[in-house]
C-alpha cells in the first residue's frame, strides 16, 4: 500500500511538472478601441503585440481592435475602461486632460527636442509618475506608444527664429495651450476644424498649419504651402490604457504578459512611425517645398520665450508635474 501511495504521489508530481506553461492563462478577448484607422502604425504595433501574446499565452489572449472610433471617441472609450465595461484603448493624451489634468504637460510647447528625449522621459521615472496618476483614475497604462511631433507648414516665409511667426495666421487645434503658444510667438492663432484646413490654406484664409509630417503628406497640404519648418513644437504620446477593474481580475502571469507585449508593440509602432515620417518628408521635399530645421540655439530661445506659457498653465497641470519633467529633461540633456 505504501509503495502504491508513493507511486501515485510521484505520478502526480510528474504530471504537475509536465503541465503546460500556459496554465495561468485563460481565454481572453481584449477589446481595444482606437480613434485612428487600421493602416496607421498603431495597427503594426497591435499586430506585434498580438504575436507576443500568442507566444506567452499559448494563443489564449486575443486582441480585437476596433478602428475609427467604432466603440466611441477616445474620451468615451476611456470612461468605459474606468467603469470596467471595456478592456483597452489606445488614445492620445490630450483628450484625457479632464480626467487626469497632469496629462496637459504633454501639450506644453517645445518640450522635447527630439524623439530620443521623449522616449527617455516617457519610459523612465517621469513616465512611472504619470502612470501612478492614471492608476488613481482607474486606468493602467501598459506603455507609451507614439503619436508624434507636430511641425509647421506655411505659405509666407521660412521660419528660422521665433520672430518669423509674427503676424502669421496659423490654424491650431481647439486647445488653450496651443492657442497661447502661437499667440505668444506673435502669430494669429486660429482654431479650425481639421476638415476645413486645406481649403482655408488654398484660399489664403490662413497662412499656416501644424501637424506631423505624415499628415502634411497624406492631406496634401504641400499643394498649398511653400515652406515647412521642423519646429517639433509639440510631441504627443499615445497611451495603451487598460481598465484597472478588469486588469485586477487577471492572473499575475497574464498581467505581466500584457505589460511586456505592450512594450514590444510600442517599439514596433515607434519604428514604423519614424520610417513613415522620413518617407513623408522626402515626398514633401520632392513636391518642391523648402524645408528647414531650427538650430539648437534657436530651440533654446523659443523654449525661453515659451516659459510664460508654462507658468500660465502650471497650476492647472500641477506644479510638481511641470517641475518634474523640466528637471528630468535637464538630466537627459546633460
Protein backbone atom coordinates (compact mmCIF):
# COMPACT_ATOMS: atom_id res chain seq x y z
CA UNK A 1 0.00 0.00 0.00
CA UNK A 2 2.83 2.35 0.93
CA UNK A 3 4.55 1.62 -2.42
CA UNK A 4 1.29 2.32 -4.26
CA UNK A 5 0.88 5.63 -2.42
CA UNK A 6 4.46 6.65 -3.22
CA UNK A 7 3.99 5.71 -6.86
CA UNK A 8 0.74 7.69 -7.06
CA UNK A 9 2.40 10.72 -5.44
CA UNK A 10 5.36 10.52 -7.83
CA UNK A 11 2.98 10.31 -10.80
CA UNK A 12 1.06 13.36 -9.57
CA UNK A 13 4.28 15.36 -9.19
CA UNK A 14 5.42 14.32 -12.66
CA UNK A 15 2.09 15.34 -14.18
CA UNK A 16 2.18 18.68 -12.40
CA UNK A 17 5.69 19.40 -13.63
CA UNK A 18 4.65 18.44 -17.14
CA UNK A 19 1.59 20.74 -17.08
CA UNK A 20 1.58 23.33 -19.85
CA UNK A 21 3.35 26.60 -19.15
CA UNK A 22 0.10 28.39 -20.05
CA UNK A 23 -1.92 27.06 -17.09
CA UNK A 24 -2.14 30.57 -15.57
CA UNK A 25 -3.74 31.91 -18.74
CA UNK A 26 -7.44 31.94 -19.54
CA UNK A 27 -9.14 32.59 -22.86
CA UNK A 28 -9.39 36.40 -23.06
CA UNK A 29 -10.97 38.56 -25.73
CA UNK A 30 -9.48 42.02 -25.17
CA UNK A 31 -11.33 44.79 -27.00
CA UNK A 32 -9.02 47.65 -27.97
CA UNK A 33 -10.63 50.92 -29.05
CA UNK A 34 -8.79 53.26 -31.44
CA UNK A 35 -9.73 56.59 -32.93
CA UNK A 36 -7.44 56.09 -35.90
CA UNK A 37 -7.65 53.76 -38.91
CA UNK A 38 -6.19 50.26 -39.21
CA UNK A 39 -3.48 51.40 -41.65
CA UNK A 40 -1.97 53.71 -39.00
CA UNK A 41 1.29 52.47 -37.39
CA UNK A 42 -0.77 51.60 -34.30
CA UNK A 43 -2.03 48.70 -36.42
CA UNK A 44 1.54 47.44 -36.80
CA UNK A 45 2.00 47.78 -33.06
CA UNK A 46 -1.12 45.80 -32.24
CA UNK A 47 -0.09 43.04 -34.67
CA UNK A 48 3.32 42.79 -32.96
CA UNK A 49 1.69 42.83 -29.53
CA UNK A 50 -0.68 40.03 -30.57
CA UNK A 51 2.19 37.87 -31.84
CA UNK A 52 3.94 38.34 -28.50
CA UNK A 53 0.76 37.46 -26.57
CA UNK A 54 0.28 34.34 -28.69
CA UNK A 55 3.73 33.15 -27.66
CA UNK A 56 3.31 33.98 -23.98
CA UNK A 57 -0.28 32.77 -23.52
CA UNK A 58 -0.37 29.86 -25.94
CA UNK A 59 -2.85 31.76 -28.07
CA UNK A 60 -5.32 32.31 -25.23
CA UNK A 61 -5.12 36.11 -25.05
CA UNK A 62 -6.59 37.79 -28.12
CA UNK A 63 -6.71 41.47 -29.02
CA UNK A 64 -9.75 42.63 -31.01
CA UNK A 65 -9.11 46.10 -32.39
CA UNK A 66 -11.98 48.46 -33.17
CA UNK A 67 -10.79 51.19 -35.53
CA UNK A 68 -12.02 54.66 -36.42
CA UNK A 69 -13.82 55.25 -33.14
CA UNK A 70 -16.17 52.28 -33.67
CA UNK A 71 -16.59 51.97 -29.89
CA UNK A 72 -16.85 55.73 -29.42
CA UNK A 73 -14.36 58.56 -29.16
CA UNK A 74 -11.20 58.30 -27.08
CA UNK A 75 -12.77 60.01 -24.08
CA UNK A 76 -15.91 57.87 -24.22
CA UNK A 77 -13.84 54.69 -24.54
CA UNK A 78 -11.61 55.74 -21.64
CA UNK A 79 -14.65 56.29 -19.43
CA UNK A 80 -15.81 52.77 -20.38
CA UNK A 81 -12.46 51.47 -19.09
CA UNK A 82 -12.91 53.33 -15.82
CA UNK A 83 -16.37 51.79 -15.46
CA UNK A 84 -14.97 48.31 -16.09
CA UNK A 85 -17.12 47.60 -19.16
CA UNK A 86 -14.33 47.67 -21.76
CA UNK A 87 -10.77 46.37 -21.63
CA UNK A 88 -8.46 48.74 -23.51
CA UNK A 89 -7.98 51.86 -25.62
CA UNK A 90 -5.08 53.42 -27.50
CA UNK A 91 -5.58 57.15 -27.07
CA UNK A 92 -3.72 60.41 -27.37
CA UNK A 93 -3.05 62.16 -24.08
CA UNK A 94 -4.83 65.41 -24.97
CA UNK A 95 -8.47 64.21 -24.77
CA UNK A 96 -7.92 62.87 -21.24
CA UNK A 97 -6.80 66.10 -19.55
CA UNK A 98 -10.26 66.43 -17.99
CA UNK A 99 -9.74 63.07 -16.23
CA UNK A 100 -6.05 63.45 -15.37
CA UNK A 101 -5.10 67.16 -15.57
CA UNK A 102 -1.40 66.25 -15.31
CA UNK A 103 -1.57 64.89 -18.89
CA UNK A 104 -1.71 68.51 -20.04
CA UNK A 105 2.05 68.54 -19.52
CA UNK A 106 2.46 66.86 -22.93
CA UNK A 107 0.77 69.82 -24.63
CA UNK A 108 3.40 72.27 -23.35
CA UNK A 109 5.33 73.86 -26.22
CA UNK A 110 8.82 72.84 -27.33
CA UNK A 111 9.04 70.31 -24.52
CA UNK A 112 11.12 67.65 -26.31
CA UNK A 113 13.90 68.44 -28.75
CA UNK A 114 13.74 65.04 -30.47
CA UNK A 115 12.17 61.60 -30.20
CA UNK A 116 15.01 60.14 -28.13
CA UNK A 117 14.44 62.76 -25.42
CA UNK A 118 10.75 61.89 -25.40
CA UNK A 119 11.45 58.15 -25.13
CA UNK A 120 13.87 58.57 -22.23
CA UNK A 121 11.39 60.67 -20.28
CA UNK A 122 8.28 58.61 -21.04
CA UNK A 123 9.96 55.24 -20.49
CA UNK A 124 11.70 56.42 -17.31
CA UNK A 125 10.88 57.86 -13.88
CA UNK A 126 8.61 60.60 -15.15
CA UNK A 127 6.53 58.13 -17.14
CA UNK A 128 6.20 56.00 -13.99
CA UNK A 129 4.98 59.04 -12.05
CA UNK A 130 2.32 59.73 -14.68
CA UNK A 131 1.29 56.06 -14.63
CA UNK A 132 0.58 56.37 -10.91
CA UNK A 133 -1.77 59.29 -11.59
CA UNK A 134 -3.54 57.25 -14.28
CA UNK A 135 -3.79 54.31 -11.87
CA UNK A 136 -5.53 56.56 -9.34
CA UNK A 137 -8.10 57.32 -12.05
CA UNK A 138 -8.81 53.62 -12.63
CA UNK A 139 -6.51 53.25 -15.63
CA UNK A 140 -3.45 51.04 -16.15
CA UNK A 141 -1.04 52.42 -18.74
CA UNK A 142 0.73 49.43 -20.27
CA UNK A 143 3.15 51.53 -22.36
CA UNK A 144 3.63 54.88 -24.07
CA UNK A 145 3.21 54.50 -27.81
CA UNK A 146 3.74 57.36 -30.27
CA UNK A 147 1.50 59.89 -31.96
CA UNK A 148 4.49 62.04 -32.85
CA UNK A 149 5.88 65.52 -33.33
CA UNK A 150 3.93 68.36 -34.88
CA UNK A 151 5.69 70.68 -37.34
CA UNK A 152 4.79 73.92 -39.10
CA UNK A 153 3.99 74.48 -42.77
CA UNK A 154 3.21 77.91 -44.23
CA UNK A 155 2.98 79.97 -47.41
CA UNK A 156 4.63 83.17 -46.15
CA UNK A 157 8.30 82.70 -45.25
CA UNK A 158 10.84 80.25 -43.86
CA UNK A 159 10.72 80.15 -40.05
CA UNK A 160 14.25 80.19 -38.70
CA UNK A 161 13.62 82.13 -35.46
CA UNK A 162 10.61 82.80 -33.28
CA UNK A 163 10.22 86.33 -34.65
CA UNK A 164 9.30 84.81 -38.03
CA UNK A 165 5.93 83.75 -36.60
CA UNK A 166 4.93 87.42 -36.34
CA UNK A 167 1.54 88.10 -37.94
CA UNK A 168 1.26 84.61 -39.42
CA UNK A 169 -2.28 83.19 -39.41
CA UNK A 170 -1.78 79.67 -38.04
CA UNK A 171 -4.53 77.08 -37.74
CA UNK A 172 -4.33 75.27 -34.40
CA UNK A 173 -6.43 72.71 -32.56
CA UNK A 174 -9.04 73.98 -30.10
CA UNK A 175 -6.62 73.68 -27.20
CA UNK A 176 -5.82 76.54 -24.84
CA UNK A 177 -2.13 75.67 -24.54
CA UNK A 178 -1.74 75.55 -28.34
CA UNK A 179 -3.57 78.87 -28.69
CA UNK A 180 -1.38 80.52 -26.07
CA UNK A 181 1.79 79.04 -27.58
CA UNK A 182 1.32 80.59 -31.01
CA UNK A 183 -0.14 83.86 -29.74
CA UNK A 184 2.91 84.21 -27.50
CA UNK A 185 5.18 83.82 -30.55
CA UNK A 186 3.35 86.66 -32.30
CA UNK A 187 1.21 84.53 -34.61
CA UNK A 188 -2.52 84.90 -35.11
CA UNK A 189 -3.63 81.51 -33.78
CA UNK A 190 -6.88 80.40 -35.43
CA UNK A 191 -8.84 77.37 -34.16
CA UNK A 192 -10.42 75.45 -37.02
CA UNK A 193 -11.88 72.01 -37.73
CA UNK A 194 -9.35 69.77 -39.45
CA UNK A 195 -11.60 69.17 -42.44
CA UNK A 196 -11.58 72.89 -43.27
CA UNK A 197 -7.81 73.36 -43.25
CA UNK A 198 -6.94 72.53 -46.87
CA UNK A 199 -9.48 74.93 -48.39
CA UNK A 200 -8.54 77.65 -45.88
CA UNK A 201 -4.88 77.32 -46.90
CA UNK A 202 -5.83 77.28 -50.58
CA UNK A 203 -7.92 80.48 -50.31
CA UNK A 204 -5.32 82.17 -48.06
CA UNK A 205 -7.85 82.48 -45.23
CA UNK A 206 -4.96 81.15 -43.16
CA UNK A 207 -1.22 81.10 -43.86
CA UNK A 208 -0.08 78.09 -41.93
CA UNK A 209 -0.97 74.91 -40.09
CA UNK A 210 0.85 72.49 -37.78
CA UNK A 211 0.75 68.70 -37.95
CA UNK A 212 3.06 65.66 -38.17
CA UNK A 213 4.85 65.13 -41.49
CA UNK A 214 2.65 62.14 -42.29
CA UNK A 215 -0.47 64.31 -42.01
CA UNK A 216 1.07 67.11 -44.11
CA UNK A 217 1.81 64.46 -46.74
CA UNK A 218 -1.42 62.45 -46.73
CA UNK A 219 -3.62 65.57 -46.52
CA UNK A 220 -1.66 67.07 -49.45
CA UNK A 221 -1.05 70.34 -47.64
CA UNK A 222 2.17 70.55 -49.67
CA UNK A 223 0.00 71.51 -52.65
CA UNK A 224 -0.98 74.81 -50.98
CA UNK A 225 2.14 75.58 -48.91
CA UNK A 226 5.68 76.73 -49.71
CA UNK A 227 7.67 76.20 -46.53
CA UNK A 228 8.00 73.56 -43.84
CA UNK A 229 9.91 74.06 -40.61
CA UNK A 230 10.80 71.19 -38.29
CA UNK A 231 9.67 73.01 -35.18
CA UNK A 232 8.93 69.88 -33.13
CA UNK A 233 6.79 72.25 -31.07
CA UNK A 234 4.60 69.51 -29.65
CA UNK A 235 5.11 65.80 -29.08
CA UNK A 236 2.03 63.77 -28.27
CA UNK A 237 2.26 60.23 -26.95
CA UNK A 238 -0.36 57.55 -27.39
CA UNK A 239 -1.22 55.68 -24.20
CA UNK A 240 -2.15 51.98 -24.26
CA UNK A 241 -4.64 52.06 -21.42
CA UNK A 242 -6.27 49.09 -19.73
CA UNK A 243 -9.23 49.05 -17.36
CA UNK A 244 -7.83 48.75 -13.84
CA UNK A 245 -11.01 47.00 -12.68
CA UNK A 246 -10.59 44.30 -15.35
CA UNK A 247 -6.78 44.15 -15.13
CA UNK A 248 -7.02 43.34 -11.42
CA UNK A 249 -9.07 40.21 -12.21
CA UNK A 250 -6.26 38.80 -14.36
CA UNK A 251 -3.64 36.40 -13.05
CA UNK A 252 -0.14 37.80 -12.43
CA UNK A 253 1.24 35.98 -15.49
CA UNK A 254 -1.49 37.49 -17.66
CA UNK A 255 -0.77 40.97 -16.34
CA UNK A 256 2.97 40.53 -16.91
CA UNK A 257 2.35 39.30 -20.47
CA UNK A 258 0.20 42.34 -21.28
CA UNK A 259 2.84 44.73 -19.96
CA UNK A 260 5.72 43.01 -21.76
CA UNK A 261 3.87 42.65 -25.06
CA UNK A 262 2.64 46.27 -24.98
CA UNK A 263 6.32 47.28 -24.90
CA UNK A 264 7.03 45.00 -27.88
CA UNK A 265 4.15 46.67 -29.74
CA UNK A 266 5.38 50.10 -28.68
CA UNK A 267 8.83 49.55 -30.16
CA UNK A 268 7.40 48.37 -33.49
CA UNK A 269 4.87 51.23 -33.65
CA UNK A 270 7.54 53.84 -32.92
CA UNK A 271 9.81 52.40 -35.61
CA UNK A 272 7.05 52.41 -38.22
CA UNK A 273 6.07 56.00 -37.32
CA UNK A 274 9.71 57.07 -37.69
CA UNK A 275 10.04 55.37 -41.08
CA UNK A 276 6.79 56.89 -42.35
CA UNK A 277 7.82 60.36 -41.22
CA UNK A 278 11.06 60.06 -43.20
CA UNK A 279 9.18 58.92 -46.31
CA UNK A 280 6.61 61.71 -45.94
CA UNK A 281 9.34 64.31 -45.51
CA UNK A 282 11.00 63.12 -48.72
CA UNK A 283 7.68 63.42 -50.56
CA UNK A 284 7.22 66.96 -49.19
CA UNK A 285 10.69 67.92 -50.41
CA UNK A 286 10.05 66.29 -53.79
CA UNK A 287 6.93 68.44 -54.13
CA UNK A 288 9.21 71.48 -54.09
CA UNK A 289 8.69 72.80 -50.59
CA UNK A 290 11.59 74.49 -48.82
CA UNK A 291 12.32 72.59 -45.62
CA UNK A 292 14.46 73.80 -42.73
CA UNK A 293 15.17 72.94 -39.12
CA UNK A 294 15.63 75.20 -36.12
CA UNK A 295 19.15 75.46 -34.77
CA UNK A 296 19.78 74.24 -31.21
CA UNK A 297 20.37 77.87 -30.20
CA UNK A 298 17.01 78.92 -31.64
CA UNK A 299 15.27 75.98 -29.99
CA UNK A 300 16.60 77.24 -26.67
CA UNK A 301 15.47 80.82 -27.44
CA UNK A 302 11.97 79.56 -28.20
CA UNK A 303 11.88 77.49 -25.01
CA UNK A 304 12.83 80.59 -23.04
CA UNK A 305 10.22 82.63 -24.91
CA UNK A 306 7.61 79.96 -24.15
CA UNK A 307 8.32 79.90 -20.40
CA UNK A 308 5.36 82.23 -19.87
CA UNK A 309 3.03 79.56 -21.31
CA UNK A 310 4.42 77.02 -18.84
CA UNK A 311 3.79 79.42 -15.95
CA UNK A 312 0.25 80.22 -17.11
CA UNK A 313 -0.80 76.56 -17.22
CA UNK A 314 1.36 75.25 -14.38
CA UNK A 315 -1.34 75.35 -11.72
CA UNK A 316 -3.89 73.51 -13.88
CA UNK A 317 -1.41 70.78 -14.83
CA UNK A 318 0.17 70.56 -11.39
CA UNK A 319 3.29 72.45 -10.38
CA UNK A 320 5.02 69.27 -9.23
CA UNK A 321 4.40 67.65 -12.63
CA UNK A 322 5.80 70.57 -14.64
CA UNK A 323 8.80 70.89 -12.32
CA UNK A 324 9.45 67.14 -12.53
CA UNK A 325 9.50 66.98 -16.33
CA UNK A 326 11.69 70.10 -16.60
CA UNK A 327 14.15 68.55 -14.12
CA UNK A 328 14.09 65.21 -15.96
CA UNK A 329 14.84 66.92 -19.28
CA UNK A 330 17.80 68.75 -17.76
CA UNK A 331 19.23 65.38 -16.73
CA UNK A 332 18.56 63.85 -20.15
CA UNK A 333 20.30 66.75 -21.90
CA UNK A 334 23.49 66.59 -19.83
